[in-house]
Protein backbone atom coordinates (compact mmCIF):
# COMPACT_ATOMS: atom_id res chain seq x y z
CA MET A 1 5.39 -19.12 135.58
CA ILE A 2 3.91 -22.09 133.99
CA ARG A 3 1.19 -24.73 134.64
CA THR A 4 -2.67 -25.73 133.06
CA SER A 5 -6.08 -24.99 132.90
CA ARG A 6 -9.37 -27.09 132.48
CA ARG A 7 -8.53 -27.93 128.85
CA SER A 8 -9.66 -30.51 126.76
CA SER A 9 -8.63 -34.03 125.54
CA SER A 10 -7.08 -34.27 122.20
CA HIS A 11 -10.62 -36.07 120.58
CA GLU A 12 -12.71 -33.06 121.46
CA ARG A 13 -14.10 -30.63 118.77
CA TYR A 14 -13.27 -26.90 118.19
CA ASP A 15 -14.47 -24.83 115.52
CA ALA A 16 -12.44 -23.21 112.81
CA TRP A 17 -10.74 -20.03 114.42
CA PRO A 18 -7.70 -21.41 115.88
CA ALA A 19 -6.40 -23.04 113.26
CA GLY A 20 -3.29 -21.73 111.60
CA SER A 21 -3.58 -18.51 113.61
CA PHE A 22 -0.25 -18.75 114.35
CA ASP A 23 1.36 -19.92 111.08
CA ASP A 24 2.49 -16.43 110.53
CA SER A 25 3.79 -15.81 113.32
CA VAL A 26 7.37 -15.03 113.99
CA LEU A 27 9.70 -17.33 116.03
CA ALA A 28 11.03 -14.91 118.48
CA PRO A 29 10.38 -13.72 121.89
CA LEU A 30 8.47 -10.04 121.38
CA TRP A 31 10.45 -8.43 123.87
CA LEU A 32 13.32 -8.88 122.04
CA ASP A 33 12.26 -8.11 118.67
CA THR A 34 12.21 -4.51 118.73
CA PRO A 35 14.99 -2.40 116.81
CA ASP A 36 15.46 -0.66 120.59
CA ARG A 37 17.28 -3.91 121.45
CA PRO A 38 20.84 -2.55 122.80
CA ALA A 39 23.96 -3.34 120.76
CA PRO A 40 25.86 -5.56 122.47
CA ARG A 41 28.78 -5.02 124.85
CA PRO A 42 32.05 -5.89 123.51
CA ALA A 43 33.54 -9.47 124.69
CA ALA A 44 36.26 -10.16 127.64
CA SER A 45 40.00 -10.23 126.60
CA GLY A 46 43.08 -10.49 127.50
CA VAL A 47 43.91 -10.22 131.65
CA VAL A 48 41.16 -9.12 133.66
CA HIS A 49 40.60 -8.44 137.29
CA ALA A 50 38.01 -7.20 139.82
CA ASP A 51 36.64 -7.62 142.88
CA LEU A 52 33.97 -9.27 142.33
CA LEU A 53 33.20 -11.14 138.85
CA VAL A 54 29.40 -11.79 137.97
CA VAL A 55 29.14 -14.67 135.41
CA GLY A 56 25.59 -14.65 133.50
CA GLY A 57 23.49 -11.49 132.06
CA GLY A 58 20.11 -12.29 132.97
CA PHE A 59 18.27 -11.00 136.00
CA THR A 60 20.22 -12.66 138.94
CA GLY A 61 23.26 -11.58 137.53
CA LEU A 62 22.19 -8.19 136.69
CA TRP A 63 20.61 -7.44 139.94
CA THR A 64 23.73 -9.14 141.96
CA ALA A 65 26.09 -6.75 140.16
CA LEU A 66 23.82 -3.32 140.02
CA ARG A 67 23.20 -4.43 144.24
CA ALA A 68 27.21 -4.89 144.24
CA VAL A 69 28.15 -1.65 143.48
CA GLU A 70 25.28 -0.24 145.29
CA ARG A 71 26.17 -1.54 148.81
CA ASP A 72 29.88 -1.24 147.95
CA PRO A 73 30.51 1.97 145.76
CA GLY A 74 34.14 1.40 145.07
CA LEU A 75 34.23 -2.41 144.32
CA SER A 76 35.55 -3.26 141.26
CA VAL A 77 32.59 -5.67 139.57
CA VAL A 78 32.60 -7.30 136.07
CA LEU A 79 29.99 -9.14 134.41
CA VAL A 80 30.22 -11.73 131.60
CA GLU A 81 27.80 -12.91 129.55
CA GLY A 82 28.33 -15.92 127.28
CA ASP A 83 25.30 -14.58 124.39
CA ARG A 84 23.18 -11.48 124.62
CA ILE A 85 22.25 -9.67 127.86
CA ALA A 86 18.25 -11.21 129.00
CA GLU A 87 18.61 -13.39 125.73
CA HIS A 88 17.65 -16.23 127.28
CA ALA A 89 15.01 -16.88 130.82
CA THR A 90 14.53 -13.22 131.19
CA GLY A 91 13.99 -12.21 128.10
CA ARG A 92 11.54 -14.95 127.17
CA ASN A 93 9.23 -14.71 130.38
CA GLY A 94 5.69 -13.38 130.77
CA GLY A 95 6.38 -10.55 132.56
CA PHE A 96 5.17 -11.60 135.85
CA CYS A 97 7.27 -9.97 139.03
CA GLU A 98 5.93 -11.59 141.62
CA ALA A 99 6.46 -10.96 145.23
CA SER A 100 6.56 -14.58 146.61
CA LEU A 101 10.20 -16.30 147.30
CA THR A 102 8.31 -19.43 147.67
CA HIS A 103 6.38 -20.36 144.16
CA GLY A 104 3.25 -19.58 146.62
CA GLU A 105 1.75 -19.38 149.64
CA SER A 106 0.84 -23.27 149.72
CA ASN A 107 4.00 -24.41 148.86
CA GLY A 108 6.16 -21.75 151.45
CA ARG A 109 3.72 -23.00 154.17
CA THR A 110 4.21 -26.81 153.50
CA ARG A 111 8.24 -26.25 153.43
CA TRP A 112 8.95 -23.57 155.94
CA PRO A 113 5.66 -23.50 157.92
CA ASP A 114 7.87 -21.94 161.21
CA GLU A 115 9.50 -18.98 158.64
CA TYR A 116 7.13 -18.72 155.97
CA ASP A 117 5.66 -15.36 157.51
CA ARG A 118 8.86 -13.93 157.40
CA LEU A 119 9.47 -15.06 154.07
CA HIS A 120 6.22 -13.45 152.97
CA GLU A 121 7.21 -10.12 154.30
CA LEU A 122 11.00 -10.42 152.95
CA GLY A 123 9.32 -11.02 149.07
CA LEU A 124 7.32 -7.51 149.61
CA ARG A 125 9.65 -5.64 150.47
CA ASN A 126 12.20 -7.08 147.71
CA LEU A 127 9.34 -6.26 145.40
CA ASP A 128 9.18 -2.90 146.63
CA ALA A 129 13.11 -2.36 146.15
CA ILE A 130 12.33 -3.35 142.20
CA GLU A 131 9.21 -0.71 142.05
CA GLU A 132 11.90 1.75 143.63
CA THR A 133 14.61 0.85 141.93
CA VAL A 134 12.76 1.03 138.42
CA GLU A 135 11.70 4.87 139.55
CA ARG A 136 15.38 5.83 140.80
CA TYR A 137 16.91 4.89 137.55
CA GLU A 138 14.09 5.75 135.29
CA ILE A 139 13.79 2.66 133.57
CA ASP A 140 10.88 2.31 131.36
CA CYS A 141 9.74 -1.12 131.39
CA GLY A 142 5.69 -0.58 131.65
CA PHE A 143 6.18 -1.93 135.11
CA ALA A 144 2.53 -1.79 136.49
CA ARG A 145 1.28 -3.32 140.12
CA GLY A 146 -1.98 -4.38 139.70
CA GLY A 147 -1.70 -8.05 141.05
CA THR A 148 -2.95 -11.22 140.14
CA LEU A 149 -6.17 -12.56 139.10
CA ALA A 150 -6.55 -16.52 139.87
CA VAL A 151 -9.52 -18.03 138.04
CA ALA A 152 -11.17 -20.89 138.50
CA THR A 153 -12.37 -22.82 135.26
CA ARG A 154 -13.30 -26.23 137.07
CA ALA A 155 -15.69 -26.78 139.88
CA HIS A 156 -13.33 -28.46 141.69
CA GLU A 157 -11.24 -25.29 141.60
CA VAL A 158 -13.51 -23.27 143.50
CA GLY A 159 -12.98 -24.39 146.57
CA HIS A 160 -9.55 -23.98 146.57
CA LEU A 161 -10.24 -20.20 145.71
CA ASP A 162 -11.26 -19.97 149.79
CA PRO A 163 -14.90 -18.69 149.36
CA GLU A 164 -14.69 -17.67 152.49
CA GLU A 165 -11.77 -15.30 152.77
CA PRO A 166 -11.85 -11.55 151.40
CA GLY A 167 -10.80 -11.02 148.19
CA PHE A 168 -13.19 -14.44 146.36
CA LEU A 169 -15.15 -13.68 143.82
CA ASP A 170 -18.09 -15.40 142.54
CA ALA A 171 -18.66 -15.70 138.70
CA ALA A 172 -20.17 -13.27 138.18
CA ALA A 173 -17.49 -10.84 139.94
CA VAL A 174 -14.60 -12.57 138.17
CA ARG A 175 -16.60 -11.74 135.24
CA ALA A 176 -17.02 -8.17 135.70
CA LEU A 177 -13.90 -7.90 136.28
CA VAL A 178 -12.33 -9.86 133.13
CA ASP A 179 -14.57 -11.63 130.88
CA SER A 180 -14.29 -14.99 130.10
CA PRO A 181 -16.94 -17.62 129.79
CA THR A 182 -14.50 -20.16 131.43
CA TYR A 183 -14.43 -18.12 134.63
CA LEU A 184 -16.49 -19.80 137.59
CA ALA A 185 -14.69 -17.58 140.26
CA GLY A 186 -11.55 -15.86 141.27
CA ARG A 187 -9.40 -14.19 143.58
CA LEU A 188 -7.47 -10.73 143.18
CA GLU A 189 -4.55 -10.58 145.18
CA PRO A 190 -3.89 -7.17 144.53
CA ASP A 191 -0.12 -6.21 145.95
CA GLY A 192 2.15 -8.91 145.69
CA THR A 193 2.53 -9.13 141.52
CA ALA A 194 3.43 -6.41 138.93
CA VAL A 195 3.56 -6.85 135.34
CA VAL A 196 6.83 -5.61 133.05
CA ASP A 197 8.63 -5.62 129.41
CA PRO A 198 11.32 -7.95 131.35
CA ALA A 199 13.64 -7.28 128.63
CA ARG A 200 13.65 -3.77 129.29
CA LEU A 201 13.81 -4.36 132.56
CA ALA A 202 16.88 -6.43 132.38
CA TRP A 203 18.76 -3.67 129.52
CA GLY A 204 17.67 -1.11 132.14
CA LEU A 205 19.10 -2.93 135.22
CA ALA A 206 22.69 -3.44 133.06
CA ASP A 207 22.52 0.30 131.99
CA ALA A 208 22.08 1.50 135.64
CA ALA A 209 24.77 -1.10 136.66
CA GLU A 210 27.54 0.16 134.15
CA GLU A 211 26.39 4.15 135.39
CA LEU A 212 27.88 2.47 138.82
CA GLY A 213 31.26 1.21 136.91
CA VAL A 214 30.49 -2.17 136.42
CA ARG A 215 32.28 -3.42 133.45
CA LEU A 216 29.60 -5.42 130.99
CA HIS A 217 31.26 -8.12 128.54
CA GLU A 218 28.73 -9.90 126.07
CA HIS A 219 29.54 -13.13 123.95
CA SER A 220 32.08 -13.93 126.91
CA ARG A 221 31.54 -17.88 127.19
CA VAL A 222 32.88 -18.88 130.51
CA VAL A 223 34.65 -22.46 130.43
CA SER A 224 36.57 -23.15 133.50
CA ALA A 225 36.44 -21.69 137.02
CA ARG A 226 39.81 -22.65 139.60
CA ARG A 227 40.24 -21.36 142.91
CA ARG A 228 43.70 -19.36 142.69
CA GLY A 229 45.32 -17.98 145.82
CA ALA A 230 43.21 -15.81 147.25
CA GLY A 231 40.79 -15.78 144.57
CA VAL A 232 38.92 -17.27 141.40
CA GLU A 233 40.44 -17.78 137.77
CA VAL A 234 37.47 -17.86 135.14
CA ARG A 235 38.48 -17.78 131.94
CA THR A 236 36.39 -17.64 128.99
CA ASP A 237 37.56 -18.10 125.33
CA ARG A 238 39.59 -15.05 125.18
CA ALA A 239 40.04 -13.66 128.66
CA VAL A 240 41.38 -14.58 131.80
CA ILE A 241 39.54 -13.11 134.52
CA ARG A 242 41.09 -12.87 137.76
CA ALA A 243 38.76 -11.91 140.83
CA THR A 244 38.79 -11.82 144.47
CA ARG A 245 34.71 -13.38 144.53
CA VAL A 246 32.32 -14.72 142.06
CA VAL A 247 28.64 -15.11 141.41
CA LEU A 248 27.30 -17.81 138.92
CA ALA A 249 24.26 -16.66 137.92
CA THR A 250 23.89 -19.47 134.85
CA ASN A 251 20.47 -20.83 135.98
CA VAL A 252 19.61 -23.58 133.73
CA PHE A 253 22.87 -23.56 131.98
CA ARG A 254 25.77 -25.77 132.50
CA ASN A 255 27.29 -24.83 136.23
CA LEU A 256 30.78 -24.17 136.63
CA LEU A 257 30.44 -26.20 139.77
CA ARG A 258 29.24 -30.19 139.71
CA ARG A 259 27.01 -29.76 143.14
CA PRO A 260 24.15 -27.72 141.30
CA ARG A 261 24.10 -29.55 138.45
CA TRP A 262 21.57 -32.20 139.66
CA SER A 263 19.39 -29.62 141.52
CA VAL A 264 17.67 -28.47 138.63
CA VAL A 265 16.18 -29.52 135.65
CA PRO A 266 15.55 -27.55 132.01
CA VAL A 267 11.73 -27.35 131.26
CA TYR A 268 10.56 -25.82 128.29
CA ASP A 269 7.84 -23.29 128.71
CA TYR A 270 5.93 -22.00 125.23
CA VAL A 271 4.09 -18.49 125.02
CA LEU A 272 2.10 -16.71 121.91
CA ALA A 273 1.38 -12.88 121.71
CA THR A 274 -1.68 -11.69 119.59
CA GLU A 275 -1.86 -8.89 117.06
CA PRO A 276 -2.42 -5.98 119.15
CA LEU A 277 -5.97 -5.10 119.89
CA THR A 278 -8.29 -2.80 119.72
CA GLU A 279 -9.62 -0.50 122.05
CA GLU A 280 -12.76 -1.96 121.13
CA GLN A 281 -12.01 -5.33 121.89
CA LEU A 282 -9.94 -4.98 125.26
CA ALA A 283 -12.79 -2.64 126.39
CA ALA A 284 -15.20 -5.64 125.51
CA LEU A 285 -13.01 -7.77 127.81
CA ARG A 286 -13.23 -5.55 130.73
CA TRP A 287 -9.86 -6.06 131.50
CA ASP A 288 -7.41 -3.64 133.31
CA PRO A 289 -3.89 -4.10 131.62
CA SER A 290 -2.22 -3.89 135.06
CA ILE A 291 -3.37 -7.57 136.17
CA GLY A 292 -1.91 -10.57 135.26
CA ILE A 293 -4.01 -13.75 135.21
CA SER A 294 -3.41 -17.79 136.05
CA ASP A 295 -5.47 -20.23 135.76
CA SER A 296 -5.85 -22.21 139.36
CA GLY A 297 -4.66 -26.00 138.16
CA ASN A 298 -1.58 -27.83 138.91
CA GLN A 299 -0.74 -27.16 135.13
CA PHE A 300 -1.46 -23.89 134.48
CA HIS A 301 -1.76 -21.14 131.50
CA TYR A 302 -0.52 -17.73 132.41
CA TYR A 303 -1.69 -14.33 130.41
CA ARG A 304 -1.70 -10.55 130.47
CA VAL A 305 -2.00 -7.54 128.37
CA THR A 306 1.33 -6.03 127.13
CA PRO A 307 2.07 -2.16 126.88
CA ASP A 308 1.00 -2.49 123.54
CA ARG A 309 -2.04 -3.96 123.72
CA ARG A 310 -1.52 -7.43 123.44
CA ILE A 311 -2.25 -10.57 124.85
CA LEU A 312 0.79 -12.74 125.71
CA TRP A 313 -0.50 -16.59 126.81
CA GLY A 314 1.62 -19.09 127.94
CA GLY A 315 2.03 -21.86 129.66
CA TYR A 316 -0.04 -25.18 129.68
CA ASP A 317 2.93 -27.43 128.35
CA ALA A 318 5.90 -27.94 130.44
CA ILE A 319 8.36 -29.93 128.27
CA TYR A 320 11.15 -31.83 129.99
CA HIS A 321 13.27 -33.39 127.08
CA TYR A 322 15.63 -36.71 127.79
CA GLY A 323 18.83 -36.59 129.51
CA ARG A 324 18.56 -32.57 130.59
CA SER A 325 18.72 -31.76 126.94
CA ILE A 326 19.25 -27.50 125.91
CA SER A 327 18.76 -27.29 122.13
CA ASP A 328 17.26 -25.30 119.72
CA GLU A 329 15.44 -28.12 118.37
CA HIS A 330 13.18 -27.76 121.00
CA ALA A 331 12.04 -24.48 120.55
CA ASP A 332 9.69 -24.67 117.99
CA ARG A 333 6.95 -27.36 119.10
CA ARG A 334 3.77 -26.82 117.34
CA GLU A 335 1.60 -29.69 118.76
CA THR A 336 1.81 -26.82 121.78
CA PHE A 337 1.05 -24.05 120.27
CA GLU A 338 -1.73 -25.65 118.58
CA VAL A 339 -2.57 -26.08 122.16
CA LEU A 340 -1.72 -22.82 122.96
CA ALA A 341 -4.22 -21.60 120.39
CA ARG A 342 -6.89 -23.85 121.23
CA ASN A 343 -7.19 -23.32 124.76
CA PHE A 344 -7.12 -19.18 123.89
CA ALA A 345 -10.01 -19.46 121.75
CA GLN A 346 -12.17 -21.65 124.37
CA THR A 347 -10.99 -19.18 127.11
CA PHE A 348 -11.95 -15.68 124.79
CA PRO A 349 -14.29 -16.51 122.09
CA GLN A 350 -15.24 -12.70 121.91
CA LEU A 351 -11.88 -12.55 119.88
CA ARG A 352 -12.90 -14.53 117.37
CA GLY A 353 -10.18 -14.23 114.34
CA ILE A 354 -7.46 -13.06 116.11
CA ARG A 355 -3.82 -13.85 115.49
CA PHE A 356 -0.34 -14.70 117.04
CA THR A 357 2.11 -12.83 116.02
CA HIS A 358 4.79 -14.36 118.07
CA ARG A 359 5.27 -17.97 119.27
CA TRP A 360 8.78 -18.85 121.06
CA SER A 361 9.95 -20.66 123.88
CA GLY A 362 12.42 -20.68 127.38
CA VAL A 363 13.97 -22.90 129.48
CA ILE A 364 12.90 -22.82 133.11
CA ASP A 365 15.24 -24.03 135.69
CA THR A 366 13.33 -26.39 137.74
CA SER A 367 14.14 -27.50 141.07
CA THR A 368 12.66 -30.14 143.29
CA ARG A 369 11.23 -27.52 145.34
CA PHE A 370 9.61 -25.12 142.91
CA CYS A 371 11.98 -22.10 144.25
CA ALA A 372 15.93 -20.84 144.61
CA LEU A 373 18.32 -22.69 146.57
CA PHE A 374 22.30 -20.85 147.13
CA GLY A 375 25.59 -22.60 147.53
CA THR A 376 28.79 -21.47 148.09
CA ALA A 377 31.96 -23.05 146.71
CA HIS A 378 36.34 -22.33 146.27
CA ARG A 379 35.76 -21.97 150.35
CA GLY A 380 33.35 -19.46 150.51
CA ARG A 381 35.04 -17.51 147.36
CA THR A 382 31.96 -18.34 144.97
CA ALA A 383 28.68 -18.35 145.38
CA TYR A 384 25.54 -19.63 143.33
CA ALA A 385 22.32 -19.30 143.05
CA THR A 386 19.61 -21.28 140.67
CA GLY A 387 16.38 -23.23 140.48
CA PHE A 388 13.62 -20.24 140.33
CA THR A 389 11.02 -22.29 138.61
CA GLY A 390 9.71 -19.48 136.62
CA LEU A 391 9.43 -16.90 139.31
CA GLY A 392 12.73 -15.31 138.71
CA VAL A 393 11.90 -12.00 137.35
CA GLY A 394 11.19 -10.88 141.44
CA ALA A 395 13.11 -13.14 143.00
CA SER A 396 16.12 -12.89 141.72
CA ARG A 397 16.79 -9.69 143.54
CA PHE A 398 16.26 -11.25 146.74
CA ALA A 399 18.87 -14.11 145.43
CA ALA A 400 21.48 -11.63 144.57
CA ASP A 401 21.94 -10.04 148.07
CA VAL A 402 21.89 -13.84 149.28
CA MET A 403 24.85 -14.18 147.13
CA LEU A 404 26.69 -11.11 147.95
CA ASP A 405 25.99 -11.69 151.66
CA LEU A 406 27.32 -15.60 151.58
CA LEU A 407 30.39 -13.95 150.29
CA ASP A 408 30.78 -11.32 152.87
CA GLY A 409 30.67 -14.54 154.80
CA GLU A 410 28.14 -12.57 158.10
CA SER A 411 25.55 -13.63 159.18
CA THR A 412 22.59 -12.10 157.96
CA GLU A 413 18.44 -12.33 158.46
CA ARG A 414 18.42 -13.43 154.74
CA THR A 415 21.23 -16.25 155.29
CA ARG A 416 20.03 -17.03 158.99
CA LEU A 417 16.52 -18.28 156.56
CA GLU A 418 16.40 -22.18 156.91
CA MET A 419 15.51 -22.05 152.81
CA VAL A 420 18.68 -20.30 152.30
CA ARG A 421 20.35 -22.88 154.60
CA ARG A 422 19.25 -26.00 153.37
CA ARG A 423 19.13 -27.30 149.80
CA PRO A 424 16.35 -29.53 148.40
CA LEU A 425 16.92 -33.25 147.04
CA PRO A 426 18.35 -33.50 143.75
CA PHE A 427 16.49 -35.33 140.51
CA PRO A 428 17.92 -38.70 140.01
CA PRO A 429 19.95 -39.77 137.24
CA GLU A 430 18.75 -40.73 133.76
CA PRO A 431 16.29 -42.80 132.73
CA PHE A 432 14.93 -42.21 136.14
CA ALA A 433 14.38 -38.27 135.79
CA TRP A 434 12.40 -38.31 132.58
CA LEU A 435 10.48 -41.06 133.97
CA GLY A 436 9.76 -39.85 137.46
CA ILE A 437 8.62 -36.35 135.46
CA GLN A 438 6.21 -38.11 133.06
CA ALA A 439 4.82 -39.87 135.42
CA THR A 440 4.04 -36.94 137.34
CA ARG A 441 2.94 -34.56 134.47
CA TRP A 442 0.32 -37.23 133.97
CA SER A 443 -0.46 -37.57 137.42
CA LEU A 444 -0.87 -33.46 137.79
CA SER A 445 -3.67 -33.58 134.21
CA ARG A 446 -5.29 -36.21 136.01
CA GLU A 447 -5.85 -34.35 139.05
CA ASP A 448 -6.68 -30.79 137.06
CA ALA A 449 -9.29 -32.93 135.40
CA THR A 450 -11.14 -34.99 138.22
CA GLY A 451 -9.97 -33.03 141.28
CA ARG A 452 -7.91 -36.15 143.15
CA ARG A 453 -4.53 -37.27 144.12
CA ASN A 454 -3.16 -40.32 143.03
CA ALA A 455 -0.88 -42.85 144.70
CA TRP A 456 2.05 -41.19 142.86
CA LEU A 457 1.49 -37.84 143.57
CA ARG A 458 0.57 -38.71 147.26
CA LEU A 459 3.66 -40.41 147.09
CA LEU A 460 6.00 -37.34 145.84
CA ASP A 461 4.25 -35.25 148.65
CA ARG A 462 5.40 -36.88 151.60
CA LEU A 463 9.25 -37.15 149.84
CA GLY A 464 9.15 -33.42 149.86
CA LEU A 465 9.55 -33.85 146.12
CA GLY A 466 7.65 -32.59 142.65
CA PHE A 467 7.44 -31.29 138.99
CA ASP A 468 6.36 -27.76 137.99
CA SER A 469 7.23 -24.67 136.50
């Protein structure tokens, strides 16, 4: 997830605490910076045959491989990953596992008013199934289902939290739950979100799939896919894989099919993690670590307490680089980390002097409708899902079942959904994509400051387009 809080214009003054607070941090995702990270599986080589080939070793691919053998225990399944399992978005997010399949109720009701209630129910069932999977396979990933606290930090945001509805918290009540002088109101949704260590969840899913017979290969970058006879032939740098069916789970990275390439743009999200808090520091915040928090603006911070008592603090800047660029050069953006550190200091001044040990970024597959899209190719032998827009930790499991349903060719409750059947409008080519995204980011920032949507945002609303993360 990514958005923003109330934050400042560049000319506002802050005390000296945040300056240099991340200078000694390592440029590495907290979740992946551990000696417990599994050794990579060997690369695929030679000629490989499979009933199902899954391309991609993030959540979407791992859930697809596991669900495939759970649904059909006799199936021969191979998964290939071009890098390391959980190396990219899966191991770089904030670890919010949400029930929402639609990027929140407002987006869902606006786009699919007739089926939103069903989508909401399916999302809750999906989160229940994730929790059950973690328990059944004994995956040690810090899964804790405490819900999400949405907080208002500007006066005009208070009304967005529905003060007349149950669950609304005034300033005193929200600060009794988590203490920040910036909080004006809040709303706790206790059932729809879990916090999790995403890398350990991914490694646990990989182990579970392997135990059920899935063959996993890392460092196996796919270079081509074409229909061949009754199946699909996929080539990596070292192997030829002939599969009856294929799932493409590469998300933001270059899709082997042309059509999905225009459906998403890569947006960089940036994250800081503090040193571990003392018991006294955590107690001063009055923060239950099972509860994740997000601001209520268009552009927002998301933050949570990790299992080792750090605060993970991300969001605010959603950075798009011209030409849909994905590059290691974009990973370390000092100006964004400085903003994150200043905003953290404003939110939790009682933690004055705390330092950040980790900083990192990840690339989000952003779609114009803010949630996943689905499709098939090679006459129904290949399926794909992409465009999760920051909510893939939970929605990827639902997407796995959708893709397997599509490959089976049978009408199911999932494949009959308008959300699954209808494709969103694509992003335009450059320079229009870059210009449109920059205009949208500026407009969203202005709305956060003023509470008013300008003409550009109203036009996007009418067209059913948008930009978020």
